[in-house]
């Protein structure tokens, strides 16, 4: 039996990896792109179910998510944001806005951890700043699931 926290973490890692490649070269056929992506992963596709939900949700809402980033990235040109940092923020913002079962502080902490793994040392401050501003705007307790 796998650890559910580790499985969610692995799902987030897979989501960031897929969405980063999606950002660099957006495929016409998402289902085919996912079918090619998952066999390269360590675990079977169903293990990454949470990650796949993040992938689909982030892509579905990318325009709205990006508008939040543009508004929150004060004095920063959106086009100059590193693609990996953009990807990490997109996943976290999708969680914060659409996954009421995840406390926003969990999404922020996971994003910071992902930035430590995939980006440079300065990224965590930038990502934390953007996500913290959003946390203050979403109108829910940042430490609780929505249904609590």
N, C-alpha and C. Protein backbone atom coordinates (compact mmCIF):
# COMPACT_ATOMS: atom_id res chain seq x y z
N UNK A 1 0.85 -1.18 0.00
CA UNK A 1 0.00 0.00 0.00
C UNK A 1 0.89 1.24 0.00
N UNK A 2 0.60 2.17 -0.88
CA UNK A 2 1.44 3.36 -0.97
C UNK A 2 1.00 4.42 0.03
N UNK A 3 1.91 5.28 0.37
CA UNK A 3 1.66 6.40 1.26
C UNK A 3 0.87 7.46 0.48
N UNK A 4 -0.34 7.83 0.94
CA UNK A 4 -1.15 8.78 0.18
C UNK A 4 -0.51 10.16 0.04
N UNK A 5 0.24 10.59 1.05
CA UNK A 5 0.91 11.89 0.96
C UNK A 5 2.00 11.83 -0.11
N UNK A 6 2.77 10.74 -0.12
CA UNK A 6 3.81 10.58 -1.13
C UNK A 6 3.21 10.44 -2.52
N UNK A 7 2.08 9.76 -2.61
CA UNK A 7 1.43 9.59 -3.91
C UNK A 7 0.96 10.94 -4.44
N UNK A 8 0.42 11.79 -3.58
CA UNK A 8 0.02 13.13 -4.01
C UNK A 8 1.24 13.95 -4.43
N UNK A 9 2.32 13.83 -3.67
CA UNK A 9 3.55 14.55 -4.03
C UNK A 9 4.04 14.09 -5.39
N UNK A 10 4.07 12.77 -5.60
CA UNK A 10 4.49 12.24 -6.90
C UNK A 10 3.56 12.72 -8.01
N UNK A 11 2.27 12.82 -7.70
CA UNK A 11 1.30 13.33 -8.67
C UNK A 11 1.59 14.77 -9.04
N UNK A 12 1.95 15.57 -8.04
CA UNK A 12 2.29 16.98 -8.33
C UNK A 12 3.55 17.07 -9.18
N UNK A 13 4.53 16.24 -8.86
CA UNK A 13 5.77 16.22 -9.65
C UNK A 13 5.44 15.85 -11.10
N UNK A 14 4.64 14.83 -11.29
CA UNK A 14 4.26 14.42 -12.65
C UNK A 14 3.50 15.55 -13.35
N UNK A 15 2.60 16.22 -12.63
CA UNK A 15 1.84 17.33 -13.22
C UNK A 15 2.78 18.44 -13.67
N UNK A 16 3.74 18.79 -12.83
CA UNK A 16 4.69 19.85 -13.19
C UNK A 16 5.51 19.42 -14.40
N UNK A 17 5.96 18.19 -14.42
CA UNK A 17 6.77 17.71 -15.55
C UNK A 17 5.96 17.75 -16.84
N UNK A 18 4.73 17.23 -16.79
CA UNK A 18 3.92 17.21 -18.01
C UNK A 18 3.56 18.63 -18.45
N UNK A 19 3.12 19.45 -17.51
CA UNK A 19 2.67 20.80 -17.86
C UNK A 19 3.82 21.68 -18.33
N UNK A 20 5.02 21.43 -17.84
CA UNK A 20 6.19 22.16 -18.34
C UNK A 20 6.41 21.82 -19.81
N UNK A 21 6.37 20.54 -20.15
CA UNK A 21 6.55 20.16 -21.56
C UNK A 21 5.37 20.66 -22.39
N UNK A 22 4.17 20.65 -21.82
CA UNK A 22 2.98 21.16 -22.52
C UNK A 22 3.15 22.64 -22.82
N UNK A 23 3.70 23.39 -21.89
CA UNK A 23 3.91 24.83 -22.10
C UNK A 23 4.91 25.09 -23.21
N UNK A 24 5.94 24.28 -23.30
CA UNK A 24 6.97 24.48 -24.32
C UNK A 24 6.52 24.06 -25.71
N UNK A 25 5.64 23.07 -25.78
CA UNK A 25 5.18 22.56 -27.08
C UNK A 25 3.78 21.99 -26.91
N UNK A 26 2.79 22.85 -27.03
CA UNK A 26 1.41 22.44 -26.76
C UNK A 26 0.90 21.47 -27.83
N UNK A 27 0.61 20.24 -27.41
CA UNK A 27 0.15 19.23 -28.37
C UNK A 27 -1.28 19.50 -28.82
N UNK A 28 -1.57 19.11 -30.05
CA UNK A 28 -2.95 19.24 -30.55
C UNK A 28 -3.86 18.21 -29.89
N UNK A 29 -3.32 17.05 -29.59
CA UNK A 29 -4.11 15.96 -29.01
C UNK A 29 -3.61 15.67 -27.59
N UNK A 30 -4.31 16.21 -26.61
CA UNK A 30 -3.91 16.06 -25.21
C UNK A 30 -3.92 14.60 -24.77
N UNK A 31 -4.94 13.86 -25.16
CA UNK A 31 -5.04 12.45 -24.77
C UNK A 31 -3.83 11.66 -25.27
N UNK A 32 -3.42 11.92 -26.49
CA UNK A 32 -2.26 11.24 -27.05
C UNK A 32 -0.99 11.65 -26.32
N UNK A 33 -0.86 12.93 -26.00
CA UNK A 33 0.32 13.41 -25.29
C UNK A 33 0.42 12.74 -23.91
N UNK A 34 -0.70 12.60 -23.23
CA UNK A 34 -0.71 11.93 -21.94
C UNK A 34 -0.39 10.44 -22.09
N UNK A 35 -0.90 9.83 -23.13
CA UNK A 35 -0.64 8.41 -23.38
C UNK A 35 0.86 8.16 -23.63
N UNK A 36 1.54 9.14 -24.20
CA UNK A 36 2.98 9.03 -24.41
C UNK A 36 3.78 9.35 -23.15
N UNK A 37 3.22 10.21 -22.30
CA UNK A 37 3.92 10.66 -21.09
C UNK A 37 3.97 9.59 -20.01
N UNK A 38 2.85 8.98 -19.71
CA UNK A 38 2.78 8.09 -18.54
C UNK A 38 3.65 6.84 -18.62
N UNK A 39 3.84 6.21 -19.77
CA UNK A 39 4.72 5.03 -19.78
C UNK A 39 6.17 5.33 -19.38
N UNK A 40 6.56 6.60 -19.43
CA UNK A 40 7.92 6.99 -19.04
C UNK A 40 8.06 7.15 -17.52
N UNK A 41 6.95 7.12 -16.81
CA UNK A 41 6.96 7.33 -15.36
C UNK A 41 7.28 6.02 -14.63
N UNK A 42 7.70 6.15 -13.37
CA UNK A 42 8.10 4.98 -12.58
C UNK A 42 6.93 4.08 -12.20
N UNK A 43 5.77 4.68 -11.97
CA UNK A 43 4.60 3.94 -11.51
C UNK A 43 3.58 3.83 -12.65
N UNK A 44 2.59 2.94 -12.52
CA UNK A 44 1.53 2.87 -13.53
C UNK A 44 0.69 4.15 -13.52
N UNK A 45 0.03 4.40 -14.63
CA UNK A 45 -0.72 5.64 -14.82
C UNK A 45 -1.73 5.90 -13.70
N UNK A 46 -2.43 4.88 -13.24
CA UNK A 46 -3.46 5.11 -12.22
C UNK A 46 -2.87 5.60 -10.89
N UNK A 47 -1.59 5.32 -10.64
CA UNK A 47 -0.93 5.84 -9.44
C UNK A 47 -0.91 7.37 -9.46
N UNK A 48 -0.86 7.95 -10.64
CA UNK A 48 -0.77 9.40 -10.81
C UNK A 48 -2.13 10.04 -11.05
N UNK A 49 -3.19 9.41 -10.59
CA UNK A 49 -4.53 9.94 -10.80
C UNK A 49 -4.70 11.37 -10.32
N UNK A 50 -4.20 11.67 -9.13
CA UNK A 50 -4.28 13.03 -8.61
C UNK A 50 -3.52 13.99 -9.53
N UNK A 51 -2.34 13.60 -9.95
CA UNK A 51 -1.56 14.43 -10.85
C UNK A 51 -2.26 14.67 -12.17
N UNK A 52 -2.91 13.63 -12.67
CA UNK A 52 -3.63 13.79 -13.94
C UNK A 52 -4.81 14.75 -13.77
N UNK A 53 -5.47 14.71 -12.62
CA UNK A 53 -6.53 15.69 -12.35
C UNK A 53 -5.96 17.11 -12.37
N UNK A 54 -4.78 17.28 -11.80
CA UNK A 54 -4.13 18.60 -11.81
C UNK A 54 -3.78 19.03 -13.23
N UNK A 55 -3.30 18.09 -14.03
CA UNK A 55 -2.95 18.41 -15.42
C UNK A 55 -4.17 18.90 -16.18
N UNK A 56 -5.24 18.11 -16.15
CA UNK A 56 -6.45 18.48 -16.88
C UNK A 56 -7.04 19.79 -16.37
N UNK A 57 -7.13 19.94 -15.05
CA UNK A 57 -7.72 21.14 -14.47
C UNK A 57 -6.91 22.38 -14.78
N UNK A 58 -5.60 22.27 -14.69
CA UNK A 58 -4.74 23.42 -14.97
C UNK A 58 -4.87 23.83 -16.43
N UNK A 59 -4.86 22.88 -17.33
CA UNK A 59 -5.00 23.20 -18.76
C UNK A 59 -6.37 23.81 -19.03
N UNK A 60 -7.41 23.24 -18.43
CA UNK A 60 -8.76 23.74 -18.64
C UNK A 60 -8.91 25.20 -18.19
N UNK A 61 -8.22 25.56 -17.11
CA UNK A 61 -8.38 26.89 -16.52
C UNK A 61 -7.16 27.78 -16.71
N UNK A 62 -6.28 27.45 -17.65
CA UNK A 62 -5.00 28.16 -17.77
C UNK A 62 -5.18 29.65 -18.03
N UNK A 63 -6.16 30.05 -18.79
CA UNK A 63 -6.35 31.49 -19.06
C UNK A 63 -6.68 32.25 -17.79
N UNK A 64 -7.61 31.71 -17.00
CA UNK A 64 -7.98 32.37 -15.75
C UNK A 64 -6.80 32.36 -14.77
N UNK A 65 -6.10 31.24 -14.68
CA UNK A 65 -4.95 31.13 -13.79
C UNK A 65 -3.89 32.16 -14.18
N UNK A 66 -3.61 32.27 -15.48
CA UNK A 66 -2.61 33.23 -15.95
C UNK A 66 -3.04 34.66 -15.67
N UNK A 67 -4.33 34.95 -15.73
CA UNK A 67 -4.78 36.31 -15.42
C UNK A 67 -4.52 36.63 -13.95
N UNK A 68 -4.65 35.66 -13.08
CA UNK A 68 -4.31 35.87 -11.67
C UNK A 68 -2.81 36.14 -11.53
N UNK A 69 -2.00 35.36 -12.21
CA UNK A 69 -0.54 35.55 -12.12
C UNK A 69 -0.17 36.94 -12.64
N UNK A 70 -0.74 37.34 -13.77
CA UNK A 70 -0.45 38.67 -14.32
C UNK A 70 -0.79 39.77 -13.32
N UNK A 71 -1.92 39.64 -12.65
CA UNK A 71 -2.35 40.66 -11.69
C UNK A 71 -1.49 40.66 -10.43
N UNK A 72 -1.01 39.49 -10.03
CA UNK A 72 -0.27 39.38 -8.78
C UNK A 72 1.24 39.60 -8.94
N UNK A 73 1.75 39.43 -10.14
CA UNK A 73 3.19 39.60 -10.39
C UNK A 73 3.48 41.07 -10.64
N UNK A 74 3.40 41.83 -9.58
CA UNK A 74 3.57 43.28 -9.68
C UNK A 74 4.98 43.62 -10.17
N UNK A 75 5.03 44.53 -11.14
CA UNK A 75 6.30 45.00 -11.70
C UNK A 75 7.12 43.86 -12.33
N UNK A 76 6.42 42.87 -12.86
CA UNK A 76 7.12 41.74 -13.48
C UNK A 76 6.43 41.40 -14.79
N UNK A 77 7.18 41.37 -15.86
CA UNK A 77 6.65 41.04 -17.17
C UNK A 77 6.33 39.54 -17.22
N UNK A 78 5.07 39.22 -17.47
CA UNK A 78 4.60 37.83 -17.50
C UNK A 78 5.47 36.97 -18.41
N UNK A 79 5.83 37.50 -19.56
CA UNK A 79 6.60 36.72 -20.54
C UNK A 79 8.00 36.39 -20.04
N UNK A 80 8.48 37.10 -19.05
CA UNK A 80 9.83 36.87 -18.52
C UNK A 80 9.85 35.88 -17.36
N UNK A 81 8.69 35.45 -16.90
CA UNK A 81 8.65 34.46 -15.82
C UNK A 81 9.19 33.14 -16.37
N UNK A 82 10.11 32.55 -15.64
CA UNK A 82 10.67 31.26 -16.06
C UNK A 82 9.54 30.26 -16.24
N UNK A 83 9.58 29.49 -17.30
CA UNK A 83 8.49 28.55 -17.61
C UNK A 83 8.29 27.52 -16.50
N UNK A 84 9.35 27.09 -15.85
CA UNK A 84 9.17 26.12 -14.77
C UNK A 84 8.46 26.78 -13.59
N UNK A 85 8.82 28.03 -13.29
CA UNK A 85 8.16 28.74 -12.19
C UNK A 85 6.70 28.99 -12.52
N UNK A 86 6.43 29.34 -13.76
CA UNK A 86 5.06 29.54 -14.22
C UNK A 86 4.26 28.26 -14.06
N UNK A 87 4.85 27.15 -14.44
CA UNK A 87 4.18 25.85 -14.34
C UNK A 87 3.86 25.50 -12.88
N UNK A 88 4.83 25.70 -12.01
CA UNK A 88 4.62 25.40 -10.59
C UNK A 88 3.50 26.27 -10.02
N UNK A 89 3.51 27.55 -10.36
CA UNK A 89 2.45 28.45 -9.87
C UNK A 89 1.09 28.08 -10.43
N UNK A 90 1.05 27.70 -11.69
CA UNK A 90 -0.23 27.31 -12.29
C UNK A 90 -0.86 26.14 -11.54
N UNK A 91 -0.07 25.14 -11.23
CA UNK A 91 -0.59 23.97 -10.51
C UNK A 91 -1.10 24.39 -9.14
N UNK A 92 -0.31 25.17 -8.42
CA UNK A 92 -0.71 25.61 -7.08
C UNK A 92 -1.97 26.48 -7.13
N UNK A 93 -2.05 27.37 -8.10
CA UNK A 93 -3.22 28.24 -8.21
C UNK A 93 -4.46 27.43 -8.59
N UNK A 94 -4.30 26.45 -9.46
CA UNK A 94 -5.43 25.58 -9.76
C UNK A 94 -5.93 24.92 -8.46
N UNK A 95 -5.01 24.39 -7.67
CA UNK A 95 -5.41 23.76 -6.40
C UNK A 95 -6.12 24.76 -5.50
N UNK A 96 -5.55 25.95 -5.38
CA UNK A 96 -6.10 26.94 -4.45
C UNK A 96 -7.51 27.39 -4.86
N UNK A 97 -7.74 27.49 -6.15
CA UNK A 97 -9.03 27.98 -6.63
C UNK A 97 -10.07 26.89 -6.82
N UNK A 98 -9.64 25.70 -7.19
CA UNK A 98 -10.60 24.67 -7.60
C UNK A 98 -10.59 23.40 -6.76
N UNK A 99 -9.61 23.19 -5.94
CA UNK A 99 -9.55 22.00 -5.10
C UNK A 99 -9.81 22.41 -3.66
N UNK A 100 -11.06 22.49 -3.31
CA UNK A 100 -11.45 22.94 -1.97
C UNK A 100 -11.07 21.91 -0.90
N UNK A 101 -10.71 20.70 -1.33
CA UNK A 101 -10.30 19.66 -0.39
C UNK A 101 -8.84 19.80 0.05
N UNK A 102 -8.16 20.82 -0.47
CA UNK A 102 -6.75 21.03 -0.14
C UNK A 102 -6.62 22.42 0.49
N UNK A 103 -6.13 22.51 1.72
CA UNK A 103 -5.92 23.84 2.30
C UNK A 103 -4.91 24.64 1.47
N UNK A 104 -5.17 25.91 1.22
CA UNK A 104 -4.25 26.72 0.41
C UNK A 104 -2.80 26.69 0.89
N UNK A 105 -2.57 26.65 2.21
CA UNK A 105 -1.18 26.62 2.69
C UNK A 105 -0.46 25.34 2.25
N UNK A 106 -1.20 24.26 2.10
CA UNK A 106 -0.59 23.02 1.61
C UNK A 106 -0.15 23.20 0.16
N UNK A 107 -1.01 23.81 -0.65
CA UNK A 107 -0.65 24.07 -2.06
C UNK A 107 0.58 24.98 -2.15
N UNK A 108 0.64 25.99 -1.30
CA UNK A 108 1.79 26.91 -1.30
C UNK A 108 3.05 26.17 -0.88
N UNK A 109 2.98 25.40 0.19
CA UNK A 109 4.17 24.67 0.65
C UNK A 109 4.65 23.68 -0.39
N UNK A 110 3.72 22.99 -1.04
CA UNK A 110 4.11 22.05 -2.09
C UNK A 110 4.77 22.78 -3.26
N UNK A 111 4.25 23.94 -3.62
CA UNK A 111 4.83 24.72 -4.71
C UNK A 111 6.26 25.16 -4.36
N UNK A 112 6.46 25.59 -3.14
CA UNK A 112 7.81 26.00 -2.71
C UNK A 112 8.76 24.80 -2.77
N UNK A 113 8.29 23.64 -2.31
CA UNK A 113 9.13 22.44 -2.38
C UNK A 113 9.46 22.06 -3.82
N UNK A 114 8.48 22.18 -4.70
CA UNK A 114 8.73 21.88 -6.12
C UNK A 114 9.73 22.87 -6.71
N UNK A 115 9.63 24.13 -6.30
CA UNK A 115 10.57 25.13 -6.82
C UNK A 115 12.00 24.82 -6.36
N UNK A 116 12.14 24.31 -5.15
CA UNK A 116 13.47 23.94 -4.66
C UNK A 116 14.05 22.79 -5.48
N UNK A 117 13.17 21.91 -5.95
CA UNK A 117 13.61 20.75 -6.71
C UNK A 117 13.88 21.07 -8.19
N UNK A 118 13.04 21.95 -8.77
CA UNK A 118 13.10 22.14 -10.22
C UNK A 118 13.60 23.50 -10.68
N UNK A 119 13.70 24.47 -9.78
CA UNK A 119 14.08 25.81 -10.21
C UNK A 119 15.31 26.29 -9.45
N UNK A 120 15.57 27.59 -9.50
CA UNK A 120 16.75 28.12 -8.80
C UNK A 120 16.37 28.65 -7.42
N UNK A 121 17.35 29.04 -6.66
CA UNK A 121 17.12 29.43 -5.26
C UNK A 121 16.22 30.66 -5.11
N UNK A 122 16.25 31.56 -6.08
CA UNK A 122 15.43 32.78 -5.99
C UNK A 122 13.96 32.51 -6.29
N UNK A 123 13.67 31.43 -6.96
CA UNK A 123 12.31 31.15 -7.41
C UNK A 123 11.34 31.00 -6.24
N UNK A 124 11.79 30.37 -5.16
CA UNK A 124 10.85 30.11 -4.06
C UNK A 124 10.29 31.40 -3.48
N UNK A 125 11.10 32.45 -3.40
CA UNK A 125 10.59 33.74 -2.88
C UNK A 125 9.55 34.33 -3.81
N UNK A 126 9.84 34.30 -5.11
CA UNK A 126 8.90 34.84 -6.10
C UNK A 126 7.59 34.06 -6.08
N UNK A 127 7.69 32.75 -6.13
CA UNK A 127 6.50 31.89 -6.13
C UNK A 127 5.71 32.07 -4.83
N UNK A 128 6.40 32.09 -3.71
CA UNK A 128 5.73 32.28 -2.43
C UNK A 128 5.01 33.63 -2.39
N UNK A 129 5.64 34.66 -2.90
CA UNK A 129 5.03 35.99 -2.90
C UNK A 129 3.73 36.02 -3.69
N UNK A 130 3.75 35.44 -4.89
CA UNK A 130 2.55 35.41 -5.74
C UNK A 130 1.45 34.61 -5.05
N UNK A 131 1.78 33.41 -4.60
CA UNK A 131 0.76 32.54 -4.01
C UNK A 131 0.24 33.08 -2.68
N UNK A 132 1.10 33.72 -1.92
CA UNK A 132 0.66 34.29 -0.64
C UNK A 132 -0.33 35.44 -0.88
N UNK A 133 -0.08 36.25 -1.91
CA UNK A 133 -1.04 37.32 -2.24
C UNK A 133 -2.38 36.74 -2.66
N UNK A 134 -2.35 35.67 -3.45
CA UNK A 134 -3.59 35.03 -3.87
C UNK A 134 -4.33 34.45 -2.66
N UNK A 135 -3.59 33.82 -1.76
CA UNK A 135 -4.18 33.24 -0.55
C UNK A 135 -4.99 34.29 0.20
N UNK A 136 -4.47 35.50 0.27
CA UNK A 136 -5.15 36.57 0.99
C UNK A 136 -6.41 37.07 0.26
N UNK A 137 -6.53 36.75 -1.02
CA UNK A 137 -7.66 37.23 -1.82
C UNK A 137 -8.79 36.22 -1.98
N UNK A 138 -8.53 34.95 -1.72
CA UNK A 138 -9.53 33.94 -2.09
C UNK A 138 -10.67 33.78 -1.11
N UNK A 139 -10.58 34.40 0.04
CA UNK A 139 -11.70 34.43 0.96
C UNK A 139 -12.05 33.12 1.64
N UNK A 140 -11.04 32.35 1.98
CA UNK A 140 -11.28 31.13 2.76
C UNK A 140 -10.12 30.92 3.72
N UNK A 141 -10.37 30.13 4.74
CA UNK A 141 -9.34 29.85 5.73
C UNK A 141 -8.21 29.09 5.04
N UNK A 142 -7.04 29.66 5.07
CA UNK A 142 -5.90 29.10 4.34
C UNK A 142 -5.39 27.79 4.93
N UNK A 143 -5.77 27.50 6.16
CA UNK A 143 -5.25 26.31 6.83
C UNK A 143 -6.24 25.16 6.87
N UNK A 144 -7.40 25.36 6.25
CA UNK A 144 -8.43 24.32 6.31
C UNK A 144 -8.95 23.98 4.92
N UNK A 145 -9.46 22.78 4.83
CA UNK A 145 -10.21 22.39 3.64
C UNK A 145 -11.48 23.22 3.62
N UNK A 146 -12.06 23.41 2.48
CA UNK A 146 -13.26 24.24 2.37
C UNK A 146 -14.44 23.69 3.17
N UNK A 147 -14.57 22.37 3.24
CA UNK A 147 -15.72 21.77 3.91
C UNK A 147 -15.58 21.71 5.42
N UNK A 148 -14.47 22.22 5.98
CA UNK A 148 -14.29 22.20 7.45
C UNK A 148 -14.95 23.40 8.08
